[in-house]
Amino acid sequence: MKPVALITTKPGFEPKLKEELEKLPIKKKISWTPFRGILIAYSNNPYEFLNYIKENKDNLKFLLRLIPLKIECQTDIEEIKKNVTLLINEKKEFIKGKSFVVRCNRRGQHNFTSEELENIIGKYILDNFKNLKVDLKNWDFKVNIEILQDKTYISIFNNDFNELIIKENIECLKKLKRYNERPLNRSERKILELMKLYPDIFENLNCVVDIGSSPGGWAKVLSKKAKIVYAIDPGELKVNAKNIIHIKKRAECVDFKKEIDKEIDLITNDTNLYPEESILLTLKFAKYLKKDKYIIHTLKARKYRTIKEDLEKVISILNKYDNIKIYRIINLKANTKNELTIILKKI
């Protein structure tokens, strides 16, 4: 299967939309993205998927927009140019002499704006396809570019292959309050993914320590598995559960004996700190972890290109601890390109 559509909803209603789409009796896969309000659909045929949604849109109450996709590539301007060329050549008999516009929807951090990319690609098309012309208002086809951080999706839209907007749903969802239990951010999807992959780690939890907890995505999920969760972070939590105790301090300032003083069944750390600093914080609490219990630690590399070097530094620190062993090093679907998830076990 390949990515065939970006599907949007109001932030906070992603699980509802995913549930609706997964019930559709066509072969497809619906996945989370790192961006709130956006899912991605995988199928073998974008036309089939788009047409089925159009025909059954009345049964989908949480879908706002469906944006069909044709080509996936890395978010690199030269790669985007190359794949725009492929698409135009594929349709050259149908668009010869026609007018076009380039539109870009960009999510994430890049060294260019959406408008700058539109201008770069528009000029590139004019320079390389002399039989095409630009018309920003009355275009015949649109080169549509959707960017999700390091992935870019390119399509050519015309009357038969275009985005679907369900205006009735947009109006209805404006009036709906976000339900109380909703994903707070991408990090919550990490812990849910881990629970699915390693359910045994999350069984029979009494005391959990969540380092760098704000805004509380991990603490919220963990509070449903554990009797008590100590959420350590100087920032505010956007969750409220009776069994979550917010220690509003930096983790290095916590006096364990005075503020927790319990054996720990699980330690989690998803802090935005330099890799060596973060692992040392985790290990500060590891001495209070029960034997045969686990630590879930997110390695956040300084940059994508330093991830191997940063991992080696973290492993060199861990090698000094005879009773802490690496259980798994994995790349979760919900991780950014700069992240790895390290699962440790106390022996």
C-alpha atoms as a PDB file:
ATOM      1  CA  MET A   1       0.000   0.000   0.000  1.00  0.00           C
ATOM      2  CA  LYS A   2       1.051   3.601  -0.589  1.00  0.00           C
ATOM      3  CA  PRO A   3      -0.132   6.924   0.879  1.00  0.00           C
ATOM      4  CA  VAL A   4      -3.189   8.050  -1.068  1.00  0.00           C
ATOM      5  CA  ALA A   5      -4.802  10.802   1.015  1.00  0.00           C
ATOM      6  CA  LEU A   6      -4.320  13.249   3.858  1.00  0.00           C
ATOM      7  CA  ILE A   7      -7.494  13.443   5.908  1.00  0.00           C
ATOM      8  CA  THR A   8      -8.189  16.264   8.320  1.00  0.00           C
ATOM      9  CA  THR A   9     -10.472  16.749  11.291  1.00  0.00           C
ATOM     10  CA  LYS A  10     -10.764  19.173  14.177  1.00  0.00           C
ATOM     11  CA  PRO A  11      -7.805  18.673  16.554  1.00  0.00           C
ATOM     12  CA  GLY A  12      -8.892  16.367  19.338  1.00  0.00           C
ATOM     13  CA  PHE A  13     -11.245  14.288  17.155  1.00  0.00           C
ATOM     14  CA  GLU A  14      -8.590  12.188  15.418  1.00  0.00           C
ATOM     15  CA  PRO A  15      -9.634   8.919  17.153  1.00  0.00           C
ATOM     16  CA  LYS A  16     -13.260   9.442  16.131  1.00  0.00           C
ATOM     17  CA  LEU A  17     -12.323  10.003  12.484  1.00  0.00           C
ATOM     18  CA  LYS A  18      -9.931   7.045  12.488  1.00  0.00           C
ATOM     19  CA  GLU A  19     -12.677   4.827  13.895  1.00  0.00           C
ATOM     20  CA  GLU A  20     -15.118   5.959  11.174  1.00  0.00           C
ATOM     21  CA  LEU A  21     -12.645   5.364   8.361  1.00  0.00           C
ATOM     22  CA  GLU A  22     -11.527   1.964   9.613  1.00  0.00           C
ATOM     23  CA  LYS A  23     -15.125   0.743   9.412  1.00  0.00           C
ATOM     24  CA  LEU A  24     -15.324   1.440   5.662  1.00  0.00           C
ATOM     25  CA  PRO A  25     -15.527  -1.847   3.711  1.00  0.00           C
ATOM     26  CA  ILE A  26     -12.614  -1.111   1.366  1.00  0.00           C
ATOM     27  CA  LYS A  27      -9.003  -2.206   1.607  1.00  0.00           C
ATOM     28  CA  LYS A  28      -7.048   0.581   3.297  1.00  0.00           C
ATOM     29  CA  LYS A  29      -4.927   1.513   6.304  1.00  0.00           C
ATOM     30  CA  ILE A  30      -5.416   4.649   8.385  1.00  0.00           C
ATOM     31  CA  SER A  31      -2.411   5.975  10.314  1.00  0.00           C
ATOM     32  CA  TRP A  32      -1.608   8.804  12.696  1.00  0.00           C
ATOM     33  CA  THR A  33       0.728  11.610  11.682  1.00  0.00           C
ATOM     34  CA  PRO A  34       2.831  13.746  14.048  1.00  0.00           C
ATOM     35  CA  PHE A  35       0.444  16.658  13.388  1.00  0.00           C
ATOM     36  CA  ARG A  36      -2.812  17.229  15.219  1.00  0.00           C
ATOM     37  CA  GLY A  37      -5.951  16.980  13.157  1.00  0.00           C
ATOM     38  CA  ILE A  38      -4.251  15.078  10.310  1.00  0.00           C
ATOM     39  CA  LEU A  39      -4.401  11.370   9.448  1.00  0.00           C
ATOM     40  CA  ILE A  40      -2.983   9.615   6.418  1.00  0.00           C
ATOM     41  CA  ALA A  41      -4.701   6.897   4.393  1.00  0.00           C
ATOM     42  CA  TYR A  42      -2.860   4.078   2.614  1.00  0.00           C
ATOM     43  CA  SER A  43      -4.348   2.136  -0.265  1.00  0.00           C
ATOM     44  CA  ASN A  44      -3.384   0.747  -3.650  1.00  0.00           C
ATOM     45  CA  ASN A  45      -5.560   3.169  -5.606  1.00  0.00           C
ATOM     46  CA  PRO A  46      -6.033   6.881  -4.755  1.00  0.00           C
ATOM     47  CA  TYR A  47      -8.894   7.224  -7.248  1.00  0.00           C
ATOM     48  CA  GLU A  48     -10.820   4.330  -5.718  1.00  0.00           C
ATOM     49  CA  PHE A  49     -10.334   5.671  -2.197  1.00  0.00           C
ATOM     50  CA  LEU A  50     -11.324   9.220  -3.160  1.00  0.00           C
ATOM     51  CA  ASN A  51     -14.423   8.111  -5.055  1.00  0.00           C
ATOM     52  CA  TYR A  52     -15.570   5.827  -2.240  1.00  0.00           C
ATOM     53  CA  ILE A  53     -15.289   8.657   0.276  1.00  0.00           C
ATOM     54  CA  LYS A  54     -17.235  10.983  -2.049  1.00  0.00           C
ATOM     55  CA  GLU A  55     -20.021   8.442  -2.403  1.00  0.00           C
ATOM     56  CA  ASN A  56     -20.207   7.774   1.341  1.00  0.00           C
ATOM     57  CA  LYS A  57     -19.390  11.182   2.807  1.00  0.00           C
ATOM     58  CA  ASP A  58     -22.777  11.456   4.509  1.00  0.00           C
ATOM     59  CA  ASN A  59     -21.735   8.631   6.842  1.00  0.00           C
ATOM     60  CA  LEU A  60     -18.529  10.403   7.891  1.00  0.00           C
ATOM     61  CA  LYS A  61     -19.248  13.013  10.559  1.00  0.00           C
ATOM     62  CA  PHE A  62     -15.683  13.867  11.571  1.00  0.00           C
ATOM     63  CA  LEU A  63     -14.009  14.274   8.179  1.00  0.00           C
ATOM     64  CA  LEU A  64     -13.348  17.885   7.156  1.00  0.00           C
ATOM     65  CA  ARG A  65     -11.036  17.624   4.140  1.00  0.00           C
ATOM     66  CA  LEU A  66      -9.623  14.798   2.051  1.00  0.00           C
ATOM     67  CA  ILE A  67      -6.540  15.660   0.001  1.00  0.00           C
ATOM     68  CA  PRO A  68      -5.613  12.974  -2.560  1.00  0.00           C
ATOM     69  CA  LEU A  69      -1.922  12.150  -2.962  1.00  0.00           C
ATOM     70  CA  LYS A  70       0.028  10.745  -5.887  1.00  0.00           C
ATOM     71  CA  ILE A  71       3.763  10.875  -5.110  1.00  0.00           C
ATOM     72  CA  GLU A  72       5.686  10.753  -1.826  1.00  0.00           C
ATOM     73  CA  CYS A  73       9.250  12.068  -1.560  1.00  0.00           C
ATOM     74  CA  GLN A  74      11.680  13.604   0.919  1.00  0.00           C
ATOM     75  CA  THR A  75      11.236  17.269   1.817  1.00  0.00           C
ATOM     76  CA  ASP A  76      14.061  18.508  -0.366  1.00  0.00           C
ATOM     77  CA  ILE A  77      13.554  21.151  -3.046  1.00  0.00           C
ATOM     78  CA  GLU A  78      15.484  19.224  -5.707  1.00  0.00           C
ATOM     79  CA  GLU A  79      13.523  16.048  -4.914  1.00  0.00           C
ATOM     80  CA  ILE A  80      10.264  17.991  -5.153  1.00  0.00           C
ATOM     81  CA  LYS A  81      11.282  19.406  -8.545  1.00  0.00           C
ATOM     82  CA  LYS A  82      12.163  15.936  -9.831  1.00  0.00           C
ATOM     83  CA  ASN A  83       8.813  14.480  -8.794  1.00  0.00           C
ATOM     84  CA  VAL A  84       6.820  17.447 -10.109  1.00  0.00           C
ATOM     85  CA  THR A  85       8.503  16.737 -13.454  1.00  0.00           C
ATOM     86  CA  LEU A  86       7.439  13.087 -13.271  1.00  0.00           C
ATOM     87  CA  LEU A  87       3.810  14.024 -12.638  1.00  0.00           C
ATOM     88  CA  ILE A  88       3.666  16.645 -15.383  1.00  0.00           C
ATOM     89  CA  ASN A  89       5.243  14.275 -17.916  1.00  0.00           C
ATOM     90  CA  GLU A  90       2.721  11.607 -16.895  1.00  0.00           C
ATOM     91  CA  LYS A  91      -0.129  13.974 -17.772  1.00  0.00           C
ATOM     92  CA  LYS A  92       1.516  16.010 -20.554  1.00  0.00           C
ATOM     93  CA  GLU A  93      -1.009  14.988 -23.221  1.00  0.00           C
ATOM     94  CA  PHE A  94      -3.902  16.276 -21.097  1.00  0.00           C
ATOM     95  CA  ILE A  95      -2.363  19.511 -19.805  1.00  0.00           C
ATOM     96  CA  LYS A  96      -0.525  20.737 -22.896  1.00  0.00           C
ATOM     97  CA  GLY A  97      -1.151  24.447 -23.369  1.00  0.00           C
ATOM     98  CA  LYS A  98      -3.063  24.693 -20.070  1.00  0.00           C
ATOM     99  CA  SER A  99      -2.647  27.124 -17.184  1.00  0.00           C
ATOM    100  CA  PHE A 100      -1.557  26.087 -13.723  1.00  0.00           C
ATOM    101  CA  VAL A 101      -1.039  27.246 -10.161  1.00  0.00           C
ATOM    102  CA  VAL A 102       1.225  25.826  -7.420  1.00  0.00           C
ATOM    103  CA  ARG A 103      -0.104  25.596  -3.886  1.00  0.00           C
ATOM    104  CA  CYS A 104       1.808  24.354  -0.833  1.00  0.00           C
ATOM    105  CA  ASN A 105       0.521  23.442   2.636  1.00  0.00           C
ATOM    106  CA  ARG A 106       3.507  23.107   4.944  1.00  0.00           C
ATOM    107  CA  ARG A 107       3.557  21.584   8.452  1.00  0.00           C
ATOM    108  CA  GLY A 108       6.759  21.538  10.459  1.00  0.00           C
ATOM    109  CA  GLN A 109       9.964  23.541  10.480  1.00  0.00           C
ATOM    110  CA  HIS A 110      11.847  24.244   7.253  1.00  0.00           C
ATOM    111  CA  ASN A 111      14.279  26.776   5.842  1.00  0.00           C
ATOM    112  CA  PHE A 112      11.648  28.020   3.374  1.00  0.00           C
ATOM    113  CA  THR A 113       8.064  29.246   3.592  1.00  0.00           C
ATOM    114  CA  SER A 114       5.107  27.805   1.681  1.00  0.00           C
ATOM    115  CA  GLU A 115       4.998  30.894  -0.542  1.00  0.00           C
ATOM    116  CA  GLU A 116       8.730  30.654  -1.303  1.00  0.00           C
ATOM    117  CA  LEU A 117       8.358  27.023  -2.363  1.00  0.00           C
ATOM    118  CA  GLU A 118       5.337  27.883  -4.535  1.00  0.00           C
ATOM    119  CA  ASN A 119       7.417  30.523  -6.335  1.00  0.00           C
ATOM    120  CA  ILE A 120      10.416  28.195  -6.748  1.00  0.00           C
ATOM    121  CA  ILE A 121       8.326  25.348  -8.207  1.00  0.00           C
ATOM    122  CA  GLY A 122       6.216  27.701 -10.339  1.00  0.00           C
ATOM    123  CA  LYS A 123       9.351  29.193 -11.944  1.00  0.00           C
ATOM    124  CA  TYR A 124      10.834  25.719 -12.386  1.00  0.00           C
ATOM    125  CA  ILE A 125       7.739  24.554 -14.287  1.00  0.00           C
ATOM    126  CA  LEU A 126       7.748  27.639 -16.524  1.00  0.00           C
ATOM    127  CA  ASP A 127      11.457  27.214 -17.294  1.00  0.00           C
ATOM    128  CA  ASN A 128      11.133  23.526 -18.166  1.00  0.00           C
ATOM    129  CA  PHE A 129       7.663  23.255 -19.757  1.00  0.00           C
ATOM    130  CA  LYS A 130       7.306  26.013 -22.325  1.00  0.00           C
ATOM    131  CA  ASN A 131       3.762  25.008 -23.269  1.00  0.00           C
ATOM    132  CA  LEU A 132       2.386  25.804 -19.802  1.00  0.00           C
ATOM    133  CA  LYS A 133       1.481  29.161 -18.292  1.00  0.00           C
ATOM    134  CA  VAL A 134       0.674  30.470 -14.825  1.00  0.00           C
ATOM    135  CA  ASP A 135      -2.768  31.718 -13.850  1.00  0.00           C
ATOM    136  CA  LEU A 136      -3.249  32.265 -10.123  1.00  0.00           C
ATOM    137  CA  LYS A 137      -7.042  32.635 -10.322  1.00  0.00           C
ATOM    138  CA  ASN A 138      -8.453  30.796 -13.340  1.00  0.00           C
ATOM    139  CA  TRP A 139      -6.059  27.868 -13.576  1.00  0.00           C
ATOM    140  CA  ASP A 140      -6.804  24.627 -15.430  1.00  0.00           C
ATOM    141  CA  PHE A 141      -4.835  22.427 -13.039  1.00  0.00           C
ATOM    142  CA  LYS A 142      -3.129  22.792  -9.668  1.00  0.00           C
ATOM    143  CA  VAL A 143       0.197  21.366  -8.567  1.00  0.00           C
ATOM    144  CA  ASN A 144      -0.599  20.592  -4.935  1.00  0.00           C
ATOM    145  CA  ILE A 145       2.215  20.074  -2.415  1.00  0.00           C
ATOM    146  CA  GLU A 146       1.538  18.814   1.113  1.00  0.00           C
ATOM    147  CA  ILE A 147       4.521  18.830   3.477  1.00  0.00           C
ATOM    148  CA  LEU A 148       4.596  16.932   6.774  1.00  0.00           C
ATOM    149  CA  GLN A 149       8.040  17.802   8.148  1.00  0.00           C
ATOM    150  CA  ASP A 150      10.467  15.480   6.294  1.00  0.00           C
ATOM    151  CA  LYS A 151       7.866  13.927   3.955  1.00  0.00           C
ATOM    152  CA  THR A 152       6.335  15.687   0.947  1.00  0.00           C
ATOM    153  CA  TYR A 153       3.288  14.584  -1.054  1.00  0.00           C
ATOM    154  CA  ILE A 154       2.651  15.919  -4.554  1.00  0.00           C
ATOM    155  CA  SER A 155      -0.476  15.727  -6.723  1.00  0.00           C
ATOM    156  CA  ILE A 156      -1.921  17.377  -9.789  1.00  0.00           C
ATOM    157  CA  PHE A 157      -5.525  18.440  -9.208  1.00  0.00           C
ATOM    158  CA  ASN A 158      -8.154  18.936 -11.895  1.00  0.00           C
ATOM    159  CA  ASN A 159     -11.921  18.499 -12.038  1.00  0.00           C
ATOM    160  CA  ASP A 160     -11.758  14.698 -11.703  1.00  0.00           C
ATOM    161  CA  PHE A 161      -9.000  14.482  -9.118  1.00  0.00           C
ATOM    162  CA  ASN A 162      -9.330  17.156  -6.491  1.00  0.00           C
ATOM    163  CA  GLU A 163      -9.626  17.668  -2.756  1.00  0.00           C
ATOM    164  CA  LEU A 164     -12.929  16.991  -1.024  1.00  0.00           C
ATOM    165  CA  ILE A 165     -14.220  19.520   1.507  1.00  0.00           C
ATOM    166  CA  ILE A 166     -17.263  18.644   3.622  1.00  0.00           C
ATOM    167  CA  LYS A 167     -18.602  22.046   4.633  1.00  0.00           C
ATOM    168  CA  GLU A 168     -21.450  20.633   6.739  1.00  0.00           C
ATOM    169  CA  ASN A 169     -18.960  18.806   8.964  1.00  0.00           C
ATOM    170  CA  ILE A 170     -16.839  21.923   9.321  1.00  0.00           C
ATOM    171  CA  GLU A 171     -19.842  23.843  10.597  1.00  0.00           C
ATOM    172  CA  CYS A 172     -20.973  21.048  12.916  1.00  0.00           C
ATOM    173  CA  LEU A 173     -17.549  20.513  14.474  1.00  0.00           C
ATOM    174  CA  LYS A 174     -17.228  24.239  15.153  1.00  0.00           C
ATOM    175  CA  LYS A 175     -20.132  23.870  17.573  1.00  0.00           C
ATOM    176  CA  LEU A 176     -18.849  20.723  19.283  1.00  0.00           C
ATOM    177  CA  LYS A 177     -16.728  20.956  22.399  1.00  0.00           C
ATOM    178  CA  ARG A 178     -13.638  18.831  22.383  1.00  0.00           C
ATOM    179  CA  TYR A 179     -14.345  15.746  24.401  1.00  0.00           C
ATOM    180  CA  ASN A 180     -12.523  15.520  27.717  1.00  0.00           C
ATOM    181  CA  GLU A 181     -10.349  12.542  26.844  1.00  0.00           C
ATOM    182  CA  ARG A 182      -8.502  13.438  23.678  1.00  0.00           C
ATOM    183  CA  PRO A 183      -4.914  13.156  22.435  1.00  0.00           C
ATOM    184  CA  LEU A 184      -2.897  16.082  23.789  1.00  0.00           C
ATOM    185  CA  ASN A 185      -0.050  15.832  21.346  1.00  0.00           C
ATOM    186  CA  ARG A 186       2.090  13.499  19.298  1.00  0.00           C
ATOM    187  CA  SER A 187       3.863  12.197  22.415  1.00  0.00           C
ATOM    188  CA  GLU A 188       0.679  10.503  23.592  1.00  0.00           C
ATOM    189  CA  ARG A 189       0.691   8.380  20.477  1.00  0.00           C
ATOM    190  CA  LYS A 190       4.195   7.197  21.370  1.00  0.00           C
ATOM    191  CA  ILE A 191       3.101   5.713  24.670  1.00  0.00           C
ATOM    192  CA  LEU A 192      -0.024   4.174  23.117  1.00  0.00           C
ATOM    193  CA  GLU A 193       2.149   2.586  20.429  1.00  0.00           C
ATOM    194  CA  LEU A 194       4.481   1.184  23.096  1.00  0.00           C
ATOM    195  CA  MET A 195       1.544  -0.271  25.032  1.00  0.00           C
ATOM    196  CA  LYS A 196       0.439  -2.088  21.924  1.00  0.00           C
ATOM    197  CA  LEU A 197       3.930  -3.405  21.142  1.00  0.00           C
ATOM    198  CA  TYR A 198       4.944  -4.360  24.710  1.00  0.00           C
ATOM    199  CA  PRO A 199       1.782  -4.833  26.803  1.00  0.00           C
ATOM    200  CA  ASP A 200       3.630  -6.824  29.490  1.00  0.00           C
ATOM    201  CA  ILE A 201       5.624  -3.740  30.510  1.00  0.00           C
ATOM    202  CA  PHE A 202       2.409  -1.987  31.519  1.00  0.00           C
ATOM    203  CA  GLU A 203       0.815  -4.768  33.556  1.00  0.00           C
ATOM    204  CA  ASN A 204       0.385  -4.637  37.367  1.00  0.00           C
ATOM    205  CA  LEU A 205       1.793  -1.137  37.756  1.00  0.00           C
ATOM    206  CA  ASN A 206       1.615   0.396  41.188  1.00  0.00           C
ATOM    207  CA  CYS A 207       3.941   3.419  41.051  1.00  0.00           C
ATOM    208  CA  VAL A 208       5.084   5.147  37.846  1.00  0.00           C
ATOM    209  CA  VAL A 209       7.464   8.100  37.601  1.00  0.00           C
ATOM    210  CA  ASP A 210       7.044  10.214  34.459  1.00  0.00           C
ATOM    211  CA  ILE A 211       9.991  12.610  33.986  1.00  0.00           C
ATOM    212  CA  GLY A 212       9.370  15.758  31.933  1.00  0.00           C
ATOM    213  CA  SER A 213       5.651  15.185  32.028  1.00  0.00           C
ATOM    214  CA  SER A 214       4.167  18.491  30.817  1.00  0.00           C
ATOM    215  CA  PRO A 215       1.674  18.865  29.169  1.00  0.00           C
ATOM    216  CA  GLY A 216       0.710  15.422  30.444  1.00  0.00           C
ATOM    217  CA  GLY A 217       0.068  13.134  27.472  1.00  0.00           C
ATOM    218  CA  TRP A 218       2.065  10.221  28.898  1.00  0.00           C
ATOM    219  CA  ALA A 219       0.801  10.764  32.446  1.00  0.00           C
ATOM    220  CA  LYS A 220      -2.802  10.676  31.238  1.00  0.00           C
ATOM    221  CA  VAL A 221      -2.357   7.322  29.498  1.00  0.00           C
ATOM    222  CA  LEU A 222      -0.251   5.855  32.310  1.00  0.00           C
ATOM    223  CA  SER A 223      -2.804   6.892  34.943  1.00  0.00           C
ATOM    224  CA  LYS A 224      -5.207   4.370  33.414  1.00  0.00           C
ATOM    225  CA  LYS A 225      -2.677   1.579  33.948  1.00  0.00           C
ATOM    226  CA  ALA A 226      -1.078   2.495  37.291  1.00  0.00           C
ATOM    227  CA  LYS A 227      -2.351   3.104  40.801  1.00  0.00           C
ATOM    228  CA  ILE A 228      -0.297   6.294  41.055  1.00  0.00           C
ATOM    229  CA  VAL A 229       1.702   8.406  38.579  1.00  0.00           C
ATOM    230  CA  TYR A 230       4.243  10.975  39.749  1.00  0.00           C
ATOM    231  CA  ALA A 231       4.365  13.560  36.956  1.00  0.00           C
ATOM    232  CA  ILE A 232       7.599  15.529  37.310  1.00  0.00           C
ATOM    233  CA  ASP A 233       7.787  18.831  35.434  1.00  0.00           C
ATOM    234  CA  PRO A 234       7.904  22.559  36.322  1.00  0.00           C
ATOM    235  CA  GLY A 235       5.391  23.214  33.534  1.00  0.00           C
ATOM    236  CA  GLU A 236       1.611  22.971  33.814  1.00  0.00           C
ATOM    237  CA  LEU A 237      -0.288  19.737  33.158  1.00  0.00           C
ATOM    238  CA  LYS A 238      -3.365  19.715  30.940  1.00  0.00           C
ATOM    239  CA  VAL A 239      -4.721  16.573  32.584  1.00  0.00           C
ATOM    240  CA  ASN A 240      -6.645  16.021  35.761  1.00  0.00           C
ATOM    241  CA  ALA A 241      -6.807  12.584  37.373  1.00  0.00           C
ATOM    242  CA  LYS A 242      -6.961  11.677  41.048  1.00  0.00           C
ATOM    243  CA  ASN A 243      -4.038   9.294  40.769  1.00  0.00           C
ATOM    244  CA  ILE A 244      -1.690  11.792  39.054  1.00  0.00           C
ATOM    245  CA  ILE A 245       0.530  13.667  41.503  1.00  0.00           C
ATOM    246  CA  HIS A 246       2.212  16.649  39.886  1.00  0.00           C
ATOM    247  CA  ILE A 247       5.646  17.386  41.341  1.00  0.00           C
ATOM    248  CA  LYS A 248       6.110  20.863  39.907  1.00  0.00           C
ATOM    249  CA  LYS A 249       9.894  20.845  39.821  1.00  0.00           C
ATOM    250  CA  ARG A 250      12.744  20.060  37.497  1.00  0.00           C
ATOM    251  CA  ALA A 251      13.583  16.377  37.858  1.00  0.00           C
ATOM    252  CA  GLU A 252      17.103  17.073  39.102  1.00  0.00           C
ATOM    253  CA  CYS A 253      15.616  19.073  42.019  1.00  0.00           C
ATOM    254  CA  VAL A 254      13.302  16.303  43.257  1.00  0.00           C
ATOM    255  CA  ASP A 255      14.081  14.866  46.688  1.00  0.00           C
ATOM    256  CA  PHE A 256      12.942  11.294  46.116  1.00  0.00           C
ATOM    257  CA  LYS A 257      12.812  10.252  49.769  1.00  0.00           C
ATOM    258  CA  LYS A 258      10.688  13.246  50.762  1.00  0.00           C
ATOM    259  CA  GLU A 259       8.433  13.555  47.709  1.00  0.00           C
ATOM    260  CA  ILE A 260       7.912   9.982  46.470  1.00  0.00           C
ATOM    261  CA  ASP A 261       9.511   7.379  48.757  1.00  0.00           C
ATOM    262  CA  LYS A 262       8.036   4.364  46.959  1.00  0.00           C
ATOM    263  CA  GLU A 263       9.502   1.560  44.902  1.00  0.00           C
ATOM    264  CA  ILE A 264       8.932   2.314  41.235  1.00  0.00           C
ATOM    265  CA  ASP A 265       7.371  -0.112  38.747  1.00  0.00           C
ATOM    266  CA  LEU A 266       8.070   1.956  35.628  1.00  0.00           C
ATOM    267  CA  ILE A 267      10.098   5.055  34.749  1.00  0.00           C
ATOM    268  CA  THR A 268       9.333   7.092  31.633  1.00  0.00           C
ATOM    269  CA  ASN A 269      11.259  10.031  30.218  1.00  0.00           C
ATOM    270  CA  ASP A 270      10.234  12.042  27.137  1.00  0.00           C
ATOM    271  CA  THR A 271      12.003  15.287  28.072  1.00  0.00           C
ATOM    272  CA  ASN A 272      13.373  17.812  25.585  1.00  0.00           C
ATOM    273  CA  LEU A 273      16.945  17.718  26.867  1.00  0.00           C
ATOM    274  CA  TYR A 274      20.332  16.963  25.375  1.00  0.00           C
ATOM    275  CA  PRO A 275      20.777  13.168  25.167  1.00  0.00           C
ATOM    276  CA  GLU A 276      23.468  12.816  27.854  1.00  0.00           C
ATOM    277  CA  GLU A 277      21.680  15.142  30.262  1.00  0.00           C
ATOM    278  CA  SER A 278      18.396  13.304  29.770  1.00  0.00           C
ATOM    279  CA  ILE A 279      19.747   9.784  30.344  1.00  0.00           C
ATOM    280  CA  LEU A 280      21.510  10.885  33.543  1.00  0.00           C
ATOM    281  CA  LEU A 281      18.165  12.186  34.844  1.00  0.00           C
ATOM    282  CA  THR A 282      16.574   8.829  34.103  1.00  0.00           C
ATOM    283  CA  LEU A 283      19.363   6.987  35.871  1.00  0.00           C
ATOM    284  CA  LYS A 284      18.969   9.210  38.940  1.00  0.00           C
ATOM    285  CA  PHE A 285      15.598   7.546  39.548  1.00  0.00           C
ATOM    286  CA  ALA A 286      16.646   4.063  38.357  1.00  0.00           C
ATOM    287  CA  LYS A 287      18.115   3.205  41.783  1.00  0.00           C
ATOM    288  CA  TYR A 288      14.527   3.195  43.131  1.00  0.00           C
ATOM    289  CA  LEU A 289      13.187   0.981  40.331  1.00  0.00           C
ATOM    290  CA  LYS A 290      12.160  -2.562  41.257  1.00  0.00           C
ATOM    291  CA  LYS A 291      14.165  -5.468  39.895  1.00  0.00           C
ATOM    292  CA  ASP A 292      12.931  -6.832  36.527  1.00  0.00           C
ATOM    293  CA  LYS A 293      11.028  -3.596  35.851  1.00  0.00           C
ATOM    294  CA  TYR A 294      11.444  -1.261  32.897  1.00  0.00           C
ATOM    295  CA  ILE A 295      12.458   2.230  31.838  1.00  0.00           C
ATOM    296  CA  ILE A 296      11.098   3.893  28.697  1.00  0.00           C
ATOM    297  CA  HIS A 297      13.432   6.652  27.570  1.00  0.00           C
ATOM    298  CA  THR A 298      13.190   8.855  24.468  1.00  0.00           C
ATOM    299  CA  LEU A 299      16.542   9.773  22.968  1.00  0.00           C
ATOM    300  CA  LYS A 300      16.156  13.175  21.300  1.00  0.00           C
ATOM    301  CA  ALA A 301      19.191  13.743  19.131  1.00  0.00           C
ATOM    302  CA  ARG A 302      20.622  17.214  18.653  1.00  0.00           C
ATOM    303  CA  LYS A 303      20.042  16.872  14.914  1.00  0.00           C
ATOM    304  CA  TYR A 304      19.034  14.072  12.568  1.00  0.00           C
ATOM    305  CA  ARG A 305      22.605  13.627  11.370  1.00  0.00           C
ATOM    306  CA  THR A 306      23.898  13.267  14.962  1.00  0.00           C
ATOM    307  CA  ILE A 307      21.479  10.530  16.038  1.00  0.00           C
ATOM    308  CA  LYS A 308      24.053   7.727  15.703  1.00  0.00           C
ATOM    309  CA  GLU A 309      26.693   9.724  17.610  1.00  0.00           C
ATOM    310  CA  ASP A 310      24.212  10.696  20.356  1.00  0.00           C
ATOM    311  CA  LEU A 311      23.065   7.096  20.749  1.00  0.00           C
ATOM    312  CA  GLU A 312      26.656   5.930  21.138  1.00  0.00           C
ATOM    313  CA  LYS A 313      27.207   8.501  23.926  1.00  0.00           C
ATOM    314  CA  VAL A 314      24.061   7.346  25.743  1.00  0.00           C
ATOM    315  CA  ILE A 315      25.082   3.685  25.435  1.00  0.00           C
ATOM    316  CA  SER A 316      28.540   4.490  26.815  1.00  0.00           C
ATOM    317  CA  ILE A 317      26.861   5.980  29.915  1.00  0.00           C
ATOM    318  CA  LEU A 318      24.533   2.996  30.288  1.00  0.00           C
ATOM    319  CA  ASN A 319      27.472   0.581  30.060  1.00  0.00           C
ATOM    320  CA  LYS A 320      28.702   1.925  33.400  1.00  0.00           C
ATOM    321  CA  TYR A 321      25.581   0.554  35.132  1.00  0.00           C
ATOM    322  CA  ASP A 322      25.797  -3.221  35.590  1.00  0.00           C
ATOM    323  CA  ASN A 323      22.184  -3.565  36.731  1.00  0.00           C
ATOM    324  CA  ILE A 324      20.592  -1.584  33.838  1.00  0.00           C
ATOM    325  CA  LYS A 325      20.473  -3.405  30.516  1.00  0.00           C
ATOM    326  CA  ILE A 326      19.185  -2.346  27.109  1.00  0.00           C
ATOM    327  CA  TYR A 327      16.043  -4.329  26.304  1.00  0.00           C
ATOM    328  CA  ARG A 328      15.083  -2.698  22.988  1.00  0.00           C
ATOM    329  CA  ILE A 329      16.044   0.283  20.834  1.00  0.00           C
ATOM    330  CA  ILE A 330      13.201   1.064  18.463  1.00  0.00           C
ATOM    331  CA  ASN A 331      11.978   3.746  16.091  1.00  0.00           C
ATOM    332  CA  LEU A 332       8.291   4.290  16.788  1.00  0.00           C
ATOM    333  CA  LYS A 333       5.946   5.508  14.078  1.00  0.00           C
ATOM    334  CA  ALA A 334       5.113   8.471  16.297  1.00  0.00           C
ATOM    335  CA  ASN A 335       8.785   9.414  16.808  1.00  0.00           C
ATOM    336  CA  THR A 336      10.233  12.367  14.925  1.00  0.00           C
ATOM    337  CA  LYS A 337      13.211  11.755  12.658  1.00  0.00           C
ATOM    338  CA  ASN A 338      15.490  12.950  15.492  1.00  0.00           C
ATOM    339  CA  GLU A 339      14.142  10.430  18.051  1.00  0.00           C
ATOM    340  CA  LEU A 340      14.720   6.845  19.112  1.00  0.00           C
ATOM    341  CA  THR A 341      12.955   5.030  21.938  1.00  0.00           C
ATOM    342  CA  ILE A 342      15.190   3.092  24.338  1.00  0.00           C
ATOM    343  CA  ILE A 343      13.642   0.465  26.606  1.00  0.00           C
ATOM    344  CA  LEU A 344      15.811  -0.499  29.575  1.00  0.00           C
ATOM    345  CA  LYS A 345      15.392  -3.246  32.154  1.00  0.00           C
ATOM    346  CA  LYS A 346      16.733  -3.420  35.691  1.00  0.00           C
ATOM    347  CA  ILE A 347      18.281  -6.793  36.452  1.00  0.00           C
END
